[in-house]
N, C-alpha and C. Protein backbone atom coordinates (compact mmCIF):
# COMPACT_ATOMS: atom_id res chain seq x y z
N UNK A 1 35.17 -24.91 2.43
CA UNK A 1 33.76 -25.15 2.57
C UNK A 1 33.07 -23.86 3.01
N UNK A 2 31.91 -23.62 2.46
CA UNK A 2 31.16 -22.40 2.77
C UNK A 2 30.64 -22.43 4.20
N UNK A 3 30.71 -21.30 4.84
CA UNK A 3 30.24 -21.15 6.21
C UNK A 3 29.26 -19.99 6.25
N UNK A 4 28.00 -20.27 5.96
CA UNK A 4 27.00 -19.22 5.86
C UNK A 4 26.86 -18.45 7.17
N UNK A 5 26.99 -19.13 8.29
CA UNK A 5 26.86 -18.43 9.58
C UNK A 5 27.94 -17.37 9.75
N UNK A 6 29.17 -17.65 9.25
CA UNK A 6 30.24 -16.66 9.33
C UNK A 6 29.99 -15.52 8.34
N UNK A 7 29.43 -15.84 7.19
CA UNK A 7 29.09 -14.81 6.20
C UNK A 7 28.04 -13.87 6.78
N UNK A 8 27.00 -14.45 7.35
CA UNK A 8 25.90 -13.66 7.92
C UNK A 8 26.41 -12.78 9.07
N UNK A 9 27.21 -13.37 9.96
CA UNK A 9 27.74 -12.60 11.10
C UNK A 9 28.67 -11.48 10.62
N UNK A 10 29.53 -11.76 9.65
CA UNK A 10 30.44 -10.74 9.13
C UNK A 10 29.67 -9.62 8.45
N UNK A 11 28.63 -9.97 7.69
CA UNK A 11 27.80 -8.97 7.03
C UNK A 11 27.10 -8.11 8.06
N UNK A 12 26.48 -8.74 9.07
CA UNK A 12 25.74 -8.00 10.10
C UNK A 12 26.67 -7.08 10.89
N UNK A 13 27.86 -7.56 11.22
CA UNK A 13 28.83 -6.75 11.96
C UNK A 13 29.27 -5.54 11.16
N UNK A 14 29.57 -5.76 9.87
CA UNK A 14 30.00 -4.64 9.00
C UNK A 14 28.87 -3.64 8.82
N UNK A 15 27.64 -4.11 8.64
CA UNK A 15 26.50 -3.21 8.47
C UNK A 15 26.25 -2.41 9.75
N UNK A 16 26.33 -3.05 10.90
CA UNK A 16 26.14 -2.36 12.17
C UNK A 16 27.17 -1.24 12.34
N UNK A 17 28.42 -1.54 12.06
CA UNK A 17 29.47 -0.52 12.17
C UNK A 17 29.21 0.63 11.22
N UNK A 18 28.79 0.30 9.99
CA UNK A 18 28.52 1.34 8.98
C UNK A 18 27.36 2.24 9.43
N UNK A 19 26.28 1.63 9.90
CA UNK A 19 25.10 2.42 10.32
C UNK A 19 25.40 3.28 11.54
N UNK A 20 26.16 2.74 12.49
CA UNK A 20 26.52 3.53 13.66
C UNK A 20 27.42 4.70 13.28
N UNK A 21 28.34 4.48 12.36
CA UNK A 21 29.21 5.56 11.87
C UNK A 21 28.39 6.62 11.16
N UNK A 22 27.31 6.20 10.48
CA UNK A 22 26.44 7.15 9.77
C UNK A 22 25.49 7.87 10.71
N UNK A 23 25.53 7.56 12.01
CA UNK A 23 24.72 8.27 12.98
C UNK A 23 23.41 7.60 13.37
N UNK A 24 23.17 6.37 12.95
CA UNK A 24 21.93 5.68 13.30
C UNK A 24 22.04 5.07 14.68
N UNK A 25 20.96 5.14 15.44
CA UNK A 25 20.91 4.60 16.79
C UNK A 25 20.50 3.13 16.75
N UNK A 26 21.30 2.32 16.07
CA UNK A 26 21.07 0.88 15.96
C UNK A 26 22.10 0.19 16.85
N UNK A 27 21.62 -0.62 17.79
CA UNK A 27 22.56 -1.27 18.71
C UNK A 27 22.83 -2.73 18.36
N UNK A 28 21.89 -3.38 17.70
CA UNK A 28 22.10 -4.77 17.28
C UNK A 28 21.46 -4.98 15.92
N UNK A 29 21.95 -5.97 15.22
CA UNK A 29 21.33 -6.41 13.97
C UNK A 29 21.03 -7.88 14.13
N UNK A 30 19.76 -8.23 13.97
CA UNK A 30 19.34 -9.63 14.07
C UNK A 30 19.92 -10.39 12.88
N UNK A 31 20.44 -11.58 13.14
CA UNK A 31 21.03 -12.38 12.08
C UNK A 31 20.03 -13.42 11.56
N UNK A 32 18.83 -12.98 11.37
CA UNK A 32 17.79 -13.83 10.81
C UNK A 32 16.62 -12.94 10.41
N UNK A 33 15.62 -13.54 9.80
CA UNK A 33 14.40 -12.82 9.51
C UNK A 33 13.74 -12.48 10.84
N UNK A 34 13.33 -11.24 11.03
CA UNK A 34 12.75 -10.81 12.30
C UNK A 34 11.32 -11.33 12.41
N UNK A 35 11.12 -12.24 13.37
CA UNK A 35 9.79 -12.78 13.63
C UNK A 35 9.76 -13.29 15.06
N UNK A 36 8.62 -13.35 15.62
CA UNK A 36 8.41 -13.92 16.95
C UNK A 36 9.26 -13.27 18.04
N UNK A 37 9.74 -12.06 17.81
CA UNK A 37 10.44 -11.34 18.87
C UNK A 37 9.82 -9.95 18.96
N UNK A 38 9.77 -9.38 20.13
CA UNK A 38 9.22 -8.02 20.24
C UNK A 38 10.09 -7.04 19.46
N UNK A 39 9.46 -6.22 18.66
CA UNK A 39 10.19 -5.24 17.87
C UNK A 39 10.44 -3.99 18.68
N UNK A 40 11.68 -3.62 18.78
CA UNK A 40 12.05 -2.34 19.37
C UNK A 40 12.61 -1.50 18.25
N UNK A 41 11.99 -0.37 18.02
CA UNK A 41 12.38 0.47 16.90
C UNK A 41 13.58 1.31 17.28
N UNK A 42 14.60 1.42 16.47
CA UNK A 42 14.76 0.81 15.16
C UNK A 42 15.18 -0.66 15.27
N UNK A 43 14.67 -1.47 14.36
CA UNK A 43 15.03 -2.89 14.31
C UNK A 43 15.57 -3.19 12.92
N UNK A 44 16.68 -3.91 12.88
CA UNK A 44 17.31 -4.27 11.61
C UNK A 44 17.64 -5.76 11.66
N UNK A 45 17.31 -6.48 10.59
CA UNK A 45 17.60 -7.90 10.50
C UNK A 45 18.19 -8.26 9.15
N UNK A 46 19.11 -9.21 9.14
CA UNK A 46 19.75 -9.68 7.92
C UNK A 46 19.28 -11.10 7.66
N UNK A 47 18.82 -11.35 6.45
CA UNK A 47 18.31 -12.65 6.08
C UNK A 47 18.98 -13.09 4.78
N UNK A 48 19.58 -14.28 4.79
CA UNK A 48 20.19 -14.82 3.58
C UNK A 48 19.17 -15.68 2.86
N UNK A 49 18.81 -15.29 1.68
CA UNK A 49 17.86 -16.03 0.86
C UNK A 49 18.60 -17.25 0.30
N UNK A 50 17.95 -18.40 0.11
CA UNK A 50 18.65 -19.58 -0.42
C UNK A 50 19.49 -19.23 -1.65
N UNK A 51 20.70 -19.83 -1.70
CA UNK A 51 21.67 -19.43 -2.71
C UNK A 51 22.20 -20.64 -3.48
N UNK A 52 23.18 -20.40 -4.32
CA UNK A 52 23.73 -21.47 -5.16
C UNK A 52 25.24 -21.28 -5.33
N UNK A 53 25.87 -22.35 -5.80
CA UNK A 53 27.30 -22.33 -6.10
C UNK A 53 27.47 -21.74 -7.49
N UNK A 54 28.55 -20.99 -7.68
CA UNK A 54 28.86 -20.44 -9.00
C UNK A 54 30.27 -20.88 -9.38
N UNK A 55 30.38 -21.54 -10.50
CA UNK A 55 31.68 -21.97 -10.99
C UNK A 55 32.29 -20.85 -11.82
N UNK A 56 33.37 -20.27 -11.32
CA UNK A 56 33.99 -19.13 -12.00
C UNK A 56 35.04 -19.54 -13.02
N UNK A 57 35.76 -20.60 -12.75
CA UNK A 57 36.78 -21.04 -13.70
C UNK A 57 36.93 -22.55 -13.61
N UNK A 58 37.41 -23.14 -14.70
CA UNK A 58 37.58 -24.59 -14.74
C UNK A 58 38.71 -25.00 -13.79
N UNK A 59 38.49 -26.08 -13.08
CA UNK A 59 39.52 -26.61 -12.22
C UNK A 59 39.67 -25.90 -10.89
N UNK A 60 38.82 -24.96 -10.62
CA UNK A 60 38.90 -24.23 -9.35
C UNK A 60 38.51 -25.18 -8.22
N UNK A 61 39.34 -25.24 -7.19
CA UNK A 61 39.07 -26.16 -6.09
C UNK A 61 38.16 -25.57 -5.03
N UNK A 62 38.12 -24.26 -4.92
CA UNK A 62 37.27 -23.60 -3.94
C UNK A 62 36.14 -22.88 -4.68
N UNK A 63 34.89 -23.26 -4.43
CA UNK A 63 33.79 -22.64 -5.17
C UNK A 63 33.48 -21.23 -4.69
N UNK A 64 32.81 -20.51 -5.53
CA UNK A 64 32.26 -19.22 -5.16
C UNK A 64 30.76 -19.40 -5.03
N UNK A 65 30.14 -18.53 -4.26
CA UNK A 65 28.72 -18.66 -4.01
C UNK A 65 28.01 -17.36 -4.36
N UNK A 66 26.79 -17.51 -4.82
CA UNK A 66 25.91 -16.37 -5.06
C UNK A 66 24.97 -16.30 -3.87
N UNK A 67 25.02 -15.19 -3.13
CA UNK A 67 24.22 -15.04 -1.92
C UNK A 67 23.27 -13.85 -2.04
N UNK A 68 22.00 -14.09 -2.32
CA UNK A 68 21.02 -13.01 -2.23
C UNK A 68 20.79 -12.69 -0.76
N UNK A 69 20.92 -11.43 -0.41
CA UNK A 69 20.78 -11.00 0.97
C UNK A 69 19.65 -9.99 1.06
N UNK A 70 18.84 -10.12 2.10
CA UNK A 70 17.76 -9.17 2.37
C UNK A 70 17.97 -8.57 3.74
N UNK A 71 17.87 -7.25 3.81
CA UNK A 71 17.95 -6.54 5.08
C UNK A 71 16.58 -5.93 5.33
N UNK A 72 15.98 -6.29 6.47
CA UNK A 72 14.68 -5.75 6.86
C UNK A 72 14.89 -4.70 7.93
N UNK A 73 14.18 -3.58 7.79
CA UNK A 73 14.30 -2.47 8.73
C UNK A 73 12.90 -2.06 9.18
N UNK A 74 12.74 -1.79 10.46
CA UNK A 74 11.48 -1.29 10.99
C UNK A 74 11.73 0.04 11.68
N UNK A 75 10.95 1.05 11.32
CA UNK A 75 11.10 2.39 11.88
C UNK A 75 9.71 2.95 12.19
N UNK A 76 9.72 4.11 12.83
CA UNK A 76 8.47 4.73 13.24
C UNK A 76 7.84 5.63 12.18
N UNK A 77 8.58 5.95 11.12
CA UNK A 77 8.00 6.80 10.08
C UNK A 77 8.58 6.44 8.71
N UNK A 78 7.84 6.81 7.70
CA UNK A 78 8.26 6.52 6.33
C UNK A 78 9.56 7.25 5.98
N UNK A 79 9.69 8.49 6.42
CA UNK A 79 10.90 9.26 6.09
C UNK A 79 12.14 8.63 6.72
N UNK A 80 12.02 8.10 7.95
CA UNK A 80 13.17 7.44 8.59
C UNK A 80 13.53 6.13 7.89
N UNK A 81 12.52 5.40 7.44
CA UNK A 81 12.79 4.17 6.70
C UNK A 81 13.52 4.49 5.41
N UNK A 82 13.05 5.48 4.68
CA UNK A 82 13.69 5.84 3.42
C UNK A 82 15.12 6.33 3.63
N UNK A 83 15.36 7.06 4.72
CA UNK A 83 16.71 7.56 4.99
C UNK A 83 17.67 6.42 5.33
N UNK A 84 17.23 5.47 6.16
CA UNK A 84 18.13 4.37 6.51
C UNK A 84 18.31 3.43 5.32
N UNK A 85 17.28 3.28 4.48
CA UNK A 85 17.43 2.47 3.27
C UNK A 85 18.48 3.07 2.34
N UNK A 86 18.51 4.40 2.23
CA UNK A 86 19.54 5.04 1.42
C UNK A 86 20.94 4.69 1.93
N UNK A 87 21.11 4.73 3.25
CA UNK A 87 22.42 4.39 3.82
C UNK A 87 22.75 2.91 3.63
N UNK A 88 21.76 2.04 3.78
CA UNK A 88 22.00 0.61 3.56
C UNK A 88 22.33 0.35 2.09
N UNK A 89 21.65 1.04 1.18
CA UNK A 89 21.97 0.92 -0.24
C UNK A 89 23.40 1.36 -0.54
N UNK A 90 23.83 2.46 0.09
CA UNK A 90 25.22 2.91 -0.08
C UNK A 90 26.19 1.86 0.46
N UNK A 91 25.87 1.29 1.62
CA UNK A 91 26.71 0.24 2.19
C UNK A 91 26.83 -0.92 1.21
N UNK A 92 25.70 -1.38 0.68
CA UNK A 92 25.72 -2.50 -0.25
C UNK A 92 26.52 -2.18 -1.51
N UNK A 93 26.42 -0.95 -1.96
CA UNK A 93 27.08 -0.55 -3.19
C UNK A 93 28.58 -0.34 -3.00
N UNK A 94 28.99 0.19 -1.86
CA UNK A 94 30.37 0.65 -1.71
C UNK A 94 31.28 -0.26 -0.89
N UNK A 95 30.72 -1.05 0.00
CA UNK A 95 31.55 -1.81 0.94
C UNK A 95 31.67 -3.28 0.53
N UNK A 96 32.89 -3.80 0.53
CA UNK A 96 33.08 -5.24 0.41
C UNK A 96 33.21 -5.79 1.83
N UNK A 97 32.85 -7.04 2.01
CA UNK A 97 32.81 -7.64 3.34
C UNK A 97 33.90 -8.70 3.43
N UNK A 98 34.67 -8.66 4.50
CA UNK A 98 35.64 -9.70 4.79
C UNK A 98 34.98 -10.70 5.73
N UNK A 99 34.90 -11.95 5.30
CA UNK A 99 34.27 -13.00 6.11
C UNK A 99 35.34 -13.61 7.01
N UNK A 100 35.09 -13.55 8.32
CA UNK A 100 36.03 -14.09 9.30
C UNK A 100 35.34 -15.11 10.18
N UNK A 101 36.13 -16.07 10.67
CA UNK A 101 35.59 -17.06 11.60
C UNK A 101 35.73 -16.56 13.03
N UNK A 102 35.41 -17.40 14.00
CA UNK A 102 35.46 -16.98 15.40
C UNK A 102 36.88 -16.69 15.88
N UNK A 103 37.88 -17.23 15.20
CA UNK A 103 39.29 -16.97 15.56
C UNK A 103 39.87 -15.79 14.78
N UNK A 104 39.02 -15.05 14.08
CA UNK A 104 39.41 -13.88 13.30
C UNK A 104 40.25 -14.23 12.07
N UNK A 105 40.17 -15.47 11.59
CA UNK A 105 40.84 -15.87 10.36
C UNK A 105 39.99 -15.46 9.17
N UNK A 106 40.60 -14.92 8.14
CA UNK A 106 39.86 -14.52 6.94
C UNK A 106 39.53 -15.78 6.12
N UNK A 107 38.24 -15.98 5.87
CA UNK A 107 37.78 -17.13 5.10
C UNK A 107 37.44 -16.79 3.66
N UNK A 108 36.85 -15.59 3.47
CA UNK A 108 36.33 -15.23 2.14
C UNK A 108 36.11 -13.73 2.06
N UNK A 109 35.75 -13.30 0.86
CA UNK A 109 35.40 -11.90 0.62
C UNK A 109 34.05 -11.87 -0.08
N UNK A 110 33.20 -10.94 0.33
CA UNK A 110 31.88 -10.77 -0.27
C UNK A 110 31.87 -9.46 -1.05
N UNK A 111 31.47 -9.55 -2.32
CA UNK A 111 31.41 -8.37 -3.18
C UNK A 111 30.01 -8.28 -3.77
N UNK A 112 29.42 -7.11 -3.70
CA UNK A 112 28.04 -6.94 -4.17
C UNK A 112 27.96 -6.75 -5.67
N UNK A 113 26.82 -7.12 -6.21
CA UNK A 113 26.47 -6.80 -7.59
C UNK A 113 25.61 -5.54 -7.50
N UNK A 114 26.22 -4.39 -7.75
CA UNK A 114 25.54 -3.11 -7.56
C UNK A 114 24.24 -3.00 -8.34
N UNK A 115 24.18 -3.65 -9.49
CA UNK A 115 22.96 -3.57 -10.31
C UNK A 115 21.80 -4.34 -9.70
N UNK A 116 22.07 -5.19 -8.71
CA UNK A 116 21.00 -5.99 -8.12
C UNK A 116 20.38 -5.34 -6.89
N UNK A 117 20.87 -4.18 -6.48
CA UNK A 117 20.35 -3.53 -5.27
C UNK A 117 18.92 -3.06 -5.49
N UNK A 118 18.04 -3.49 -4.58
CA UNK A 118 16.63 -3.07 -4.61
C UNK A 118 16.26 -2.52 -3.23
N UNK A 119 15.64 -1.35 -3.21
CA UNK A 119 15.20 -0.73 -1.96
C UNK A 119 13.70 -0.48 -2.05
N UNK A 120 12.97 -0.86 -1.00
CA UNK A 120 11.52 -0.70 -1.03
C UNK A 120 11.02 -0.39 0.38
N UNK A 121 10.00 0.45 0.46
CA UNK A 121 9.36 0.75 1.76
C UNK A 121 7.84 0.67 1.59
N UNK A 122 7.29 -0.56 1.67
CA UNK A 122 5.85 -0.71 1.53
C UNK A 122 5.12 -0.08 2.71
N UNK A 123 3.89 0.36 2.50
CA UNK A 123 3.13 0.98 3.61
C UNK A 123 2.80 -0.06 4.68
N UNK A 124 2.60 0.39 5.91
CA UNK A 124 2.28 -0.55 6.99
C UNK A 124 0.91 -1.19 6.79
N UNK A 125 0.76 -2.40 7.34
CA UNK A 125 -0.50 -3.12 7.21
C UNK A 125 -1.47 -2.79 8.32
N UNK A 126 -0.96 -2.38 9.47
CA UNK A 126 -1.81 -2.10 10.62
C UNK A 126 -2.42 -0.71 10.53
N UNK A 127 -3.67 -0.60 10.95
CA UNK A 127 -4.32 0.72 10.92
C UNK A 127 -4.35 1.37 12.31
N UNK A 128 -4.04 0.60 13.34
CA UNK A 128 -4.02 1.14 14.70
C UNK A 128 -2.74 1.96 14.88
N UNK A 129 -2.84 3.23 15.23
CA UNK A 129 -1.65 4.08 15.32
C UNK A 129 -0.57 3.56 16.26
N UNK A 130 -0.94 2.86 17.32
CA UNK A 130 0.07 2.35 18.25
C UNK A 130 0.86 1.18 17.67
N UNK A 131 0.34 0.54 16.65
CA UNK A 131 1.00 -0.62 16.06
C UNK A 131 1.72 -0.30 14.75
N UNK A 132 1.59 0.92 14.27
CA UNK A 132 2.18 1.25 12.98
C UNK A 132 3.70 1.24 13.08
N UNK A 133 4.29 0.43 12.22
CA UNK A 133 5.74 0.39 12.07
C UNK A 133 6.01 0.36 10.57
N UNK A 134 6.83 1.28 10.14
CA UNK A 134 7.17 1.31 8.72
C UNK A 134 8.29 0.32 8.46
N UNK A 135 8.14 -0.44 7.40
CA UNK A 135 9.12 -1.47 7.06
C UNK A 135 9.88 -1.05 5.82
N UNK A 136 11.17 -1.30 5.86
CA UNK A 136 12.01 -1.09 4.69
C UNK A 136 12.70 -2.39 4.32
N UNK A 137 12.86 -2.61 3.04
CA UNK A 137 13.49 -3.83 2.55
C UNK A 137 14.60 -3.44 1.58
N UNK A 138 15.80 -3.95 1.86
CA UNK A 138 16.95 -3.74 0.97
C UNK A 138 17.44 -5.12 0.55
N UNK A 139 17.55 -5.33 -0.76
CA UNK A 139 18.02 -6.62 -1.27
C UNK A 139 19.22 -6.39 -2.18
N UNK A 140 20.13 -7.34 -2.13
CA UNK A 140 21.31 -7.27 -3.00
C UNK A 140 21.87 -8.68 -3.16
N UNK A 141 22.46 -8.94 -4.31
CA UNK A 141 23.12 -10.22 -4.56
C UNK A 141 24.62 -10.03 -4.36
N UNK A 142 25.19 -10.90 -3.55
CA UNK A 142 26.63 -10.86 -3.27
C UNK A 142 27.28 -12.09 -3.86
N UNK A 143 28.52 -11.92 -4.31
CA UNK A 143 29.36 -13.04 -4.71
C UNK A 143 30.36 -13.26 -3.59
N UNK A 144 30.41 -14.48 -3.08
CA UNK A 144 31.31 -14.83 -1.98
C UNK A 144 32.43 -15.70 -2.53
N UNK A 145 33.65 -15.19 -2.44
CA UNK A 145 34.81 -15.91 -2.94
C UNK A 145 35.64 -16.39 -1.76
N UNK A 146 35.70 -17.71 -1.58
CA UNK A 146 36.48 -18.29 -0.50
C UNK A 146 37.94 -18.36 -0.91
N UNK A 147 38.79 -18.28 0.10
CA UNK A 147 40.23 -18.32 -0.12
C UNK A 147 40.67 -19.79 -0.14
N UNK A 148 41.56 -20.09 -1.04
CA UNK A 148 42.08 -21.47 -1.15
C UNK A 148 42.75 -21.92 0.11
């Protein structure tokens, strides 16, 4: 059975490790869409967009899932947003994710569809300099294959 919370936590943990190794001063990754919490820059959040089951072969007892994932990033400048988006794009393209439960048992593997990676940094909506935060959005579709 699919465990989205374990998928989200495994993805966030792997991304945090990757970004810290790349030199980013990110201490936590929110496991939801960032809202209603004070933003401390840099802020990174992982959001799983509603997904579906994918039947890969006839008679398969364990389904695979298609998981569109969005990573939201908030930074103080456009250049920093673009730089971290490049690293997140590399992470999505190069790293597969091992999904583990709370007992460290391997449940599934997440593999990205490299052609689905989208990176965007829309301009800020606020005009007050003290409120300006640049937002970056990285999206990718993952295939999650659970182990029998």
